[in-house]
Amino acid sequence: MRYRRKIEIVDAVQFVAGEPLPEGVVVTALDKNSPSMGNHPVIRYLEGELHVQDGDWIITNAHGRQYPCHPAVFAHDFEALEH
């Protein structure tokens, strides 16, 4: 049997290393273990801590949960809604 992902409207902001975190993003820690990566945010999700990389989109779903999404996956799965 085949399935299609249900349509879901989410809020998303793109993380850019070195810039302030977008408003509304809740982080549990900053990843300071890798100096080459800088202080990237860490978001706690159901499966554990998710590390946000430069360029990742931070998605807030309909349940208010936040998680990072790689730019290529985001471009494939989401399209902008016009206001």
PDB file of N, CA and C in Angstrom:
ATOM      1  N   MET A   1       0.834  -1.170   0.000  1.00  0.00           N
ATOM      2  CA  MET A   1       0.000   0.000   0.000  1.00  0.00           C
ATOM      3  C   MET A   1       0.889   1.246   0.000  1.00  0.00           C
ATOM      4  N   ARG A   2       0.471   2.271  -0.710  1.00  0.00           N
ATOM      5  CA  ARG A   2       1.239   3.514  -0.776  1.00  0.00           C
ATOM      6  C   ARG A   2       0.549   4.589   0.050  1.00  0.00           C
ATOM      7  N   TYR A   3       1.354   5.513   0.581  1.00  0.00           N
ATOM      8  CA  TYR A   3       0.834   6.601   1.402  1.00  0.00           C
ATOM      9  C   TYR A   3       1.420   7.922   0.939  1.00  0.00           C
ATOM     10  N   ARG A   4       0.702   8.978   1.176  1.00  0.00           N
ATOM     11  CA  ARG A   4       1.186  10.317   0.885  1.00  0.00           C
ATOM     12  C   ARG A   4       1.185  11.113   2.187  1.00  0.00           C
ATOM     13  N   ARG A   5       2.207  11.904   2.393  1.00  0.00           N
ATOM     14  CA  ARG A   5       2.284  12.729   3.601  1.00  0.00           C
ATOM     15  C   ARG A   5       1.117  13.706   3.607  1.00  0.00           C
ATOM     16  N   LYS A   6       0.445  13.785   4.746  1.00  0.00           N
ATOM     17  CA  LYS A   6      -0.649  14.735   4.874  1.00  0.00           C
ATOM     18  C   LYS A   6      -0.106  16.155   4.772  1.00  0.00           C
ATOM     19  N   ILE A   7      -0.911  17.018   4.255  1.00  0.00           N
ATOM     20  CA  ILE A   7      -0.515  18.414   4.130  1.00  0.00           C
ATOM     21  C   ILE A   7      -0.397  19.011   5.525  1.00  0.00           C
ATOM     22  N   GLU A   8       0.704  19.690   5.752  1.00  0.00           N
ATOM     23  CA  GLU A   8       0.962  20.310   7.052  1.00  0.00           C
ATOM     24  C   GLU A   8       1.527  21.697   6.802  1.00  0.00           C
ATOM     25  N   ILE A   9       0.957  22.680   7.452  1.00  0.00           N
ATOM     26  CA  ILE A   9       1.481  24.031   7.352  1.00  0.00           C
ATOM     27  C   ILE A   9       2.359  24.274   8.570  1.00  0.00           C
ATOM     28  N   VAL A  10       3.583  24.724   8.328  1.00  0.00           N
ATOM     29  CA  VAL A  10       4.552  24.938   9.406  1.00  0.00           C
ATOM     30  C   VAL A  10       5.123  26.346   9.300  1.00  0.00           C
ATOM     31  N   ASP A  11       5.710  26.819  10.385  1.00  0.00           N
ATOM     32  CA  ASP A  11       6.505  28.036  10.374  1.00  0.00           C
ATOM     33  C   ASP A  11       7.954  27.596  10.276  1.00  0.00           C
ATOM     34  N   ALA A  12       8.769  28.342   9.547  1.00  0.00           N
ATOM     35  CA  ALA A  12      10.178  27.973   9.411  1.00  0.00           C
ATOM     36  C   ALA A  12      11.030  29.224   9.257  1.00  0.00           C
ATOM     37  N   VAL A  13      12.220  29.154   9.852  1.00  0.00           N
ATOM     38  CA  VAL A  13      13.216  30.215   9.716  1.00  0.00           C
ATOM     39  C   VAL A  13      14.544  29.550   9.436  1.00  0.00           C
ATOM     40  N   GLN A  14      15.392  30.213   8.665  1.00  0.00           N
ATOM     41  CA  GLN A  14      16.683  29.615   8.321  1.00  0.00           C
ATOM     42  C   GLN A  14      17.750  30.111   9.283  1.00  0.00           C
ATOM     43  N   PHE A  15      18.558  29.170   9.801  1.00  0.00           N
ATOM     44  CA  PHE A  15      19.650  29.491  10.708  1.00  0.00           C
ATOM     45  C   PHE A  15      20.889  29.842   9.900  1.00  0.00           C
ATOM     46  N   VAL A  16      21.509  30.962  10.252  1.00  0.00           N
ATOM     47  CA  VAL A  16      22.759  31.372   9.617  1.00  0.00           C
ATOM     48  C   VAL A  16      23.783  31.559  10.730  1.00  0.00           C
ATOM     49  N   ALA A  17      24.847  30.770  10.682  1.00  0.00           N
ATOM     50  CA  ALA A  17      25.880  30.827  11.718  1.00  0.00           C
ATOM     51  C   ALA A  17      26.418  32.248  11.834  1.00  0.00           C
ATOM     52  N   GLY A  18      26.600  32.698  13.064  1.00  0.00           N
ATOM     53  CA  GLY A  18      27.149  34.016  13.320  1.00  0.00           C
ATOM     54  C   GLY A  18      26.102  35.105  13.436  1.00  0.00           C
ATOM     55  N   GLU A  19      24.859  34.814  13.042  1.00  0.00           N
ATOM     56  CA  GLU A  19      23.781  35.778  13.182  1.00  0.00           C
ATOM     57  C   GLU A  19      22.939  35.409  14.397  1.00  0.00           C
ATOM     58  N   PRO A  20      22.220  36.381  14.959  1.00  0.00           N
ATOM     59  CA  PRO A  20      21.367  36.062  16.113  1.00  0.00           C
ATOM     60  C   PRO A  20      20.336  35.000  15.744  1.00  0.00           C
ATOM     61  N   LEU A  21      19.963  34.198  16.734  1.00  0.00           N
ATOM     62  CA  LEU A  21      18.931  33.191  16.497  1.00  0.00           C
ATOM     63  C   LEU A  21      17.623  33.874  16.153  1.00  0.00           C
ATOM     64  N   PRO A  22      16.881  33.294  15.223  1.00  0.00           N
ATOM     65  CA  PRO A  22      15.589  33.880  14.879  1.00  0.00           C
ATOM     66  C   PRO A  22      14.653  33.897  16.094  1.00  0.00           C
ATOM     67  N   GLU A  23      13.795  34.894  16.156  1.00  0.00           N
ATOM     68  CA  GLU A  23      12.846  35.023  17.260  1.00  0.00           C
ATOM     69  C   GLU A  23      11.951  33.792  17.329  1.00  0.00           C
ATOM     70  N   GLY A  24      11.710  33.311  18.532  1.00  0.00           N
ATOM     71  CA  GLY A  24      10.824  32.172  18.740  1.00  0.00           C
ATOM     72  C   GLY A  24      11.514  30.827  18.754  1.00  0.00           C
ATOM     73  N   VAL A  25      12.790  30.766  18.380  1.00  0.00           N
ATOM     74  CA  VAL A  25      13.512  29.491  18.393  1.00  0.00           C
ATOM     75  C   VAL A  25      13.947  29.200  19.828  1.00  0.00           C
ATOM     76  N   VAL A  26      13.586  28.030  20.312  1.00  0.00           N
ATOM     77  CA  VAL A  26      13.915  27.631  21.682  1.00  0.00           C
ATOM     78  C   VAL A  26      15.043  26.612  21.624  1.00  0.00           C
ATOM     79  N   VAL A  27      16.188  26.957  22.205  1.00  0.00           N
ATOM     80  CA  VAL A  27      17.319  26.032  22.205  1.00  0.00           C
ATOM     81  C   VAL A  27      17.582  25.566  23.629  1.00  0.00           C
ATOM     82  N   THR A  28      18.097  24.346  23.742  1.00  0.00           N
ATOM     83  CA  THR A  28      18.403  23.798  25.057  1.00  0.00           C
ATOM     84  C   THR A  28      19.872  23.954  25.397  1.00  0.00           C
ATOM     85  N   ALA A  29      20.702  24.190  24.383  1.00  0.00           N
ATOM     86  CA  ALA A  29      22.149  24.317  24.605  1.00  0.00           C
ATOM     87  C   ALA A  29      22.779  24.866  23.339  1.00  0.00           C
ATOM     88  N   LEU A  30      24.048  25.202  23.442  1.00  0.00           N
ATOM     89  CA  LEU A  30      24.845  25.550  22.266  1.00  0.00           C
ATOM     90  C   LEU A  30      25.937  24.506  22.144  1.00  0.00           C
ATOM     91  N   ASP A  31      26.173  24.019  20.919  1.00  0.00           N
ATOM     92  CA  ASP A  31      27.185  23.002  20.671  1.00  0.00           C
ATOM     93  C   ASP A  31      28.552  23.668  20.655  1.00  0.00           C
ATOM     94  N   LYS A  32      29.262  23.574  21.771  1.00  0.00           N
ATOM     95  CA  LYS A  32      30.575  24.205  21.896  1.00  0.00           C
ATOM     96  C   LYS A  32      31.705  23.186  21.749  1.00  0.00           C
ATOM     97  N   ASN A  33      31.363  21.938  21.444  1.00  0.00           N
ATOM     98  CA  ASN A  33      32.370  20.879  21.362  1.00  0.00           C
ATOM     99  C   ASN A  33      33.181  20.924  20.081  1.00  0.00           C
ATOM    100  N   SER A  34      32.684  21.585  19.079  1.00  0.00           N
ATOM    101  CA  SER A  34      33.377  21.627  17.800  1.00  0.00           C
ATOM    102  C   SER A  34      33.662  23.074  17.430  1.00  0.00           C
ATOM    103  N   PRO A  35      34.850  23.584  17.754  1.00  0.00           N
ATOM    104  CA  PRO A  35      35.167  24.984  17.463  1.00  0.00           C
ATOM    105  C   PRO A  35      35.010  25.348  15.989  1.00  0.00           C
ATOM    106  N   SER A  36      35.215  24.390  15.102  1.00  0.00           N
ATOM    107  CA  SER A  36      35.081  24.691  13.683  1.00  0.00           C
ATOM    108  C   SER A  36      33.636  24.980  13.303  1.00  0.00           C
ATOM    109  N   MET A  37      32.696  24.496  14.108  1.00  0.00           N
ATOM    110  CA  MET A  37      31.283  24.708  13.821  1.00  0.00           C
ATOM    111  C   MET A  37      30.743  25.940  14.542  1.00  0.00           C
ATOM    112  N   GLY A  38      31.476  26.468  15.499  1.00  0.00           N
ATOM    113  CA  GLY A  38      30.974  27.607  16.251  1.00  0.00           C
ATOM    114  C   GLY A  38      29.917  27.173  17.248  1.00  0.00           C
ATOM    115  N   ASN A  39      29.204  28.120  17.729  1.00  0.00           N
ATOM    116  CA  ASN A  39      28.156  27.838  18.716  1.00  0.00           C
ATOM    117  C   ASN A  39      26.821  27.610  18.014  1.00  0.00           C
ATOM    118  N   HIS A  40      26.636  26.428  17.502  1.00  0.00           N
ATOM    119  CA  HIS A  40      25.385  26.104  16.832  1.00  0.00           C
ATOM    120  C   HIS A  40      24.354  25.661  17.862  1.00  0.00           C
ATOM    121  N   PRO A  41      23.099  26.033  17.654  1.00  0.00           N
ATOM    122  CA  PRO A  41      22.073  25.672  18.629  1.00  0.00           C
ATOM    123  C   PRO A  41      21.774  24.171  18.636  1.00  0.00           C
ATOM    124  N   VAL A  42      21.307  23.721  19.782  1.00  0.00           N
ATOM    125  CA  VAL A  42      20.853  22.350  19.956  1.00  0.00           C
ATOM    126  C   VAL A  42      19.395  22.430  20.382  1.00  0.00           C
ATOM    127  N   ILE A  43      18.528  21.711  19.678  1.00  0.00           N
ATOM    128  CA  ILE A  43      17.099  21.705  19.974  1.00  0.00           C
ATOM    129  C   ILE A  43      16.731  20.333  20.506  1.00  0.00           C
ATOM    130  N   ARG A  44      16.023  20.290  21.625  1.00  0.00           N
ATOM    131  CA  ARG A  44      15.570  19.003  22.176  1.00  0.00           C
ATOM    132  C   ARG A  44      14.276  18.616  21.471  1.00  0.00           C
ATOM    133  N   TYR A  45      14.251  17.396  20.952  1.00  0.00           N
ATOM    134  CA  TYR A  45      13.073  16.883  20.262  1.00  0.00           C
ATOM    135  C   TYR A  45      12.726  15.532  20.870  1.00  0.00           C
ATOM    136  N   LEU A  46      11.682  14.907  20.390  1.00  0.00           N
ATOM    137  CA  LEU A  46      11.231  13.636  20.949  1.00  0.00           C
ATOM    138  C   LEU A  46      12.326  12.576  20.948  1.00  0.00           C
ATOM    139  N   GLU A  47      13.129  12.533  19.877  1.00  0.00           N
ATOM    140  CA  GLU A  47      14.168  11.514  19.751  1.00  0.00           C
ATOM    141  C   GLU A  47      15.450  11.880  20.472  1.00  0.00           C
ATOM    142  N   GLY A  48      15.547  13.077  21.006  1.00  0.00           N
ATOM    143  CA  GLY A  48      16.763  13.510  21.682  1.00  0.00           C
ATOM    144  C   GLY A  48      17.187  14.883  21.192  1.00  0.00           C
ATOM    145  N   GLU A  49      18.458  15.194  21.373  1.00  0.00           N
ATOM    146  CA  GLU A  49      18.958  16.503  20.976  1.00  0.00           C
ATOM    147  C   GLU A  49      19.309  16.523  19.498  1.00  0.00           C
ATOM    148  N   LEU A  50      18.871  17.563  18.812  1.00  0.00           N
ATOM    149  CA  LEU A  50      19.131  17.729  17.393  1.00  0.00           C
ATOM    150  C   LEU A  50      20.018  18.952  17.216  1.00  0.00           C
ATOM    151  N   HIS A  51      21.133  18.782  16.541  1.00  0.00           N
ATOM    152  CA  HIS A  51      22.095  19.864  16.340  1.00  0.00           C
ATOM    153  C   HIS A  51      21.777  20.590  15.044  1.00  0.00           C
ATOM    154  N   VAL A  52      21.674  21.895  15.125  1.00  0.00           N
ATOM    155  CA  VAL A  52      21.352  22.721  13.967  1.00  0.00           C
ATOM    156  C   VAL A  52      22.643  23.116  13.260  1.00  0.00           C
ATOM    157  N   GLN A  53      22.682  22.909  11.952  1.00  0.00           N
ATOM    158  CA  GLN A  53      23.847  23.246  11.142  1.00  0.00           C
ATOM    159  C   GLN A  53      23.582  24.546  10.389  1.00  0.00           C
ATOM    160  N   ASP A  54      24.643  25.195   9.945  1.00  0.00           N
ATOM    161  CA  ASP A  54      24.518  26.423   9.173  1.00  0.00           C
ATOM    162  C   ASP A  54      23.666  26.168   7.936  1.00  0.00           C
ATOM    163  N   GLY A  55      22.664  26.988   7.713  1.00  0.00           N
ATOM    164  CA  GLY A  55      21.784  26.854   6.562  1.00  0.00           C
ATOM    165  C   GLY A  55      20.546  26.024   6.808  1.00  0.00           C
ATOM    166  N   ASP A  56      20.504  25.251   7.907  1.00  0.00           N
ATOM    167  CA  ASP A  56      19.317  24.456   8.221  1.00  0.00           C
ATOM    168  C   ASP A  56      18.112  25.362   8.434  1.00  0.00           C
ATOM    169  N   TRP A  57      16.960  24.848   8.088  1.00  0.00           N
ATOM    170  CA  TRP A  57      15.713  25.516   8.408  1.00  0.00           C
ATOM    171  C   TRP A  57      15.244  24.977   9.747  1.00  0.00           C
ATOM    172  N   ILE A  58      14.785  25.854  10.629  1.00  0.00           N
ATOM    173  CA  ILE A  58      14.231  25.436  11.914  1.00  0.00           C
ATOM    174  C   ILE A  58      12.717  25.509  11.776  1.00  0.00           C
ATOM    175  N   ILE A  59      12.092  24.350  11.817  1.00  0.00           N
ATOM    176  CA  ILE A  59      10.659  24.229  11.586  1.00  0.00           C
ATOM    177  C   ILE A  59       9.928  24.162  12.917  1.00  0.00           C
ATOM    178  N   THR A  60       8.826  24.868  13.013  1.00  0.00           N
ATOM    179  CA  THR A  60       7.905  24.749  14.143  1.00  0.00           C
ATOM    180  C   THR A  60       6.629  24.155  13.579  1.00  0.00           C
ATOM    181  N   ASN A  61       6.290  22.923  14.010  1.00  0.00           N
ATOM    182  CA  ASN A  61       5.123  22.253  13.438  1.00  0.00           C
ATOM    183  C   ASN A  61       3.833  22.677  14.156  1.00  0.00           C
ATOM    184  N   ALA A  62       2.729  22.096  13.739  1.00  0.00           N
ATOM    185  CA  ALA A  62       1.413  22.460  14.279  1.00  0.00           C
ATOM    186  C   ALA A  62       1.291  22.178  15.773  1.00  0.00           C
ATOM    187  N   HIS A  63       2.134  21.303  16.308  1.00  0.00           N
ATOM    188  CA  HIS A  63       2.107  20.968  17.731  1.00  0.00           C
ATOM    189  C   HIS A  63       3.061  21.837  18.544  1.00  0.00           C
ATOM    190  N   GLY A  64       3.744  22.776  17.878  1.00  0.00           N
ATOM    191  CA  GLY A  64       4.680  23.665  18.555  1.00  0.00           C
ATOM    192  C   GLY A  64       6.065  23.081  18.736  1.00  0.00           C
ATOM    193  N   ARG A  65       6.294  21.875  18.218  1.00  0.00           N
ATOM    194  CA  ARG A  65       7.617  21.260  18.328  1.00  0.00           C
ATOM    195  C   ARG A  65       8.527  21.822  17.249  1.00  0.00           C
ATOM    196  N   GLN A  66       9.788  22.028  17.609  1.00  0.00           N
ATOM    197  CA  GLN A  66      10.756  22.569  16.665  1.00  0.00           C
ATOM    198  C   GLN A  66      11.799  21.520  16.327  1.00  0.00           C
ATOM    199  N   TYR A  67      12.245  21.535  15.068  1.00  0.00           N
ATOM    200  CA  TYR A  67      13.301  20.622  14.635  1.00  0.00           C
ATOM    201  C   TYR A  67      14.009  21.213  13.424  1.00  0.00           C
ATOM    202  N   PRO A  68      15.302  20.895  13.259  1.00  0.00           N
ATOM    203  CA  PRO A  68      16.029  21.388  12.095  1.00  0.00           C
ATOM    204  C   PRO A  68      15.752  20.533  10.864  1.00  0.00           C
ATOM    205  N   CYS A  69      15.891  21.160   9.709  1.00  0.00           N
ATOM    206  CA  CYS A  69      15.680  20.459   8.447  1.00  0.00           C
ATOM    207  C   CYS A  69      16.756  20.919   7.464  1.00  0.00           C
ATOM    208  N   HIS A  70      17.448  19.983   6.845  1.00  0.00           N
ATOM    209  CA  HIS A  70      18.488  20.291   5.864  1.00  0.00           C
ATOM    210  C   HIS A  70      17.863  21.084   4.713  1.00  0.00           C
ATOM    211  N   PRO A  71      18.583  22.081   4.171  1.00  0.00           N
ATOM    212  CA  PRO A  71      18.023  22.920   3.112  1.00  0.00           C
ATOM    213  C   PRO A  71      17.502  22.146   1.895  1.00  0.00           C
ATOM    214  N   ALA A  72      18.183  21.099   1.482  1.00  0.00           N
ATOM    215  CA  ALA A  72      17.733  20.334   0.310  1.00  0.00           C
ATOM    216  C   ALA A  72      16.419  19.609   0.597  1.00  0.00           C
ATOM    217  N   VAL A  73      16.298  19.059   1.786  1.00  0.00           N
ATOM    218  CA  VAL A  73      15.053  18.379   2.175  1.00  0.00           C
ATOM    219  C   VAL A  73      13.931  19.398   2.280  1.00  0.00           C
ATOM    220  N   PHE A  74      14.228  20.555   2.874  1.00  0.00           N
ATOM    221  CA  PHE A  74      13.228  21.602   3.015  1.00  0.00           C
ATOM    222  C   PHE A  74      12.726  22.050   1.639  1.00  0.00           C
ATOM    223  N   ALA A  75      13.638  22.278   0.704  1.00  0.00           N
ATOM    224  CA  ALA A  75      13.255  22.720  -0.641  1.00  0.00           C
ATOM    225  C   ALA A  75      12.391  21.683  -1.350  1.00  0.00           C
ATOM    226  N   HIS A  76      12.661  20.405  -1.078  1.00  0.00           N
ATOM    227  CA  HIS A  76      11.903  19.329  -1.712  1.00  0.00           C
ATOM    228  C   HIS A  76      10.507  19.188  -1.108  1.00  0.00           C
ATOM    229  N   ASP A  77      10.405  19.328   0.216  1.00  0.00           N
ATOM    230  CA  ASP A  77       9.158  19.026   0.923  1.00  0.00           C
ATOM    231  C   ASP A  77       8.231  20.211   1.147  1.00  0.00           C
ATOM    232  N   PHE A  78       8.750  21.436   1.074  1.00  0.00           N
ATOM    233  CA  PHE A  78       7.938  22.592   1.434  1.00  0.00           C
ATOM    234  C   PHE A  78       7.965  23.646   0.336  1.00  0.00           C
ATOM    235  N   GLU A  79       6.865  24.374   0.231  1.00  0.00           N
ATOM    236  CA  GLU A  79       6.805  25.522  -0.657  1.00  0.00           C
ATOM    237  C   GLU A  79       6.174  26.664   0.108  1.00  0.00           C
ATOM    238  N   ALA A  80       6.577  27.886  -0.224  1.00  0.00           N
ATOM    239  CA  ALA A  80       6.100  29.063   0.496  1.00  0.00           C
ATOM    240  C   ALA A  80       4.627  29.317   0.185  1.00  0.00           C
ATOM    241  N   LEU A  81       3.903  29.750   1.197  1.00  0.00           N
ATOM    242  CA  LEU A  81       2.521  30.167   1.016  1.00  0.00           C
ATOM    243  C   LEU A  81       2.504  31.679   0.874  1.00  0.00           C
ATOM    244  N   GLU A  82       1.674  32.154  -0.032  1.00  0.00           N
ATOM    245  CA  GLU A  82       1.557  33.595  -0.184  1.00  0.00           C
ATOM    246  C   GLU A  82       0.621  34.117   0.889  1.00  0.00           C
ATOM    247  N   HIS A  83       0.930  35.304   1.383  1.00  0.00           N
ATOM    248  CA  HIS A  83       0.098  35.897   2.449  1.00  0.00           C
ATOM    249  C   HIS A  83      -1.105  36.557   1.856  1.00  0.00           C
TER     250      HIS A  83
END
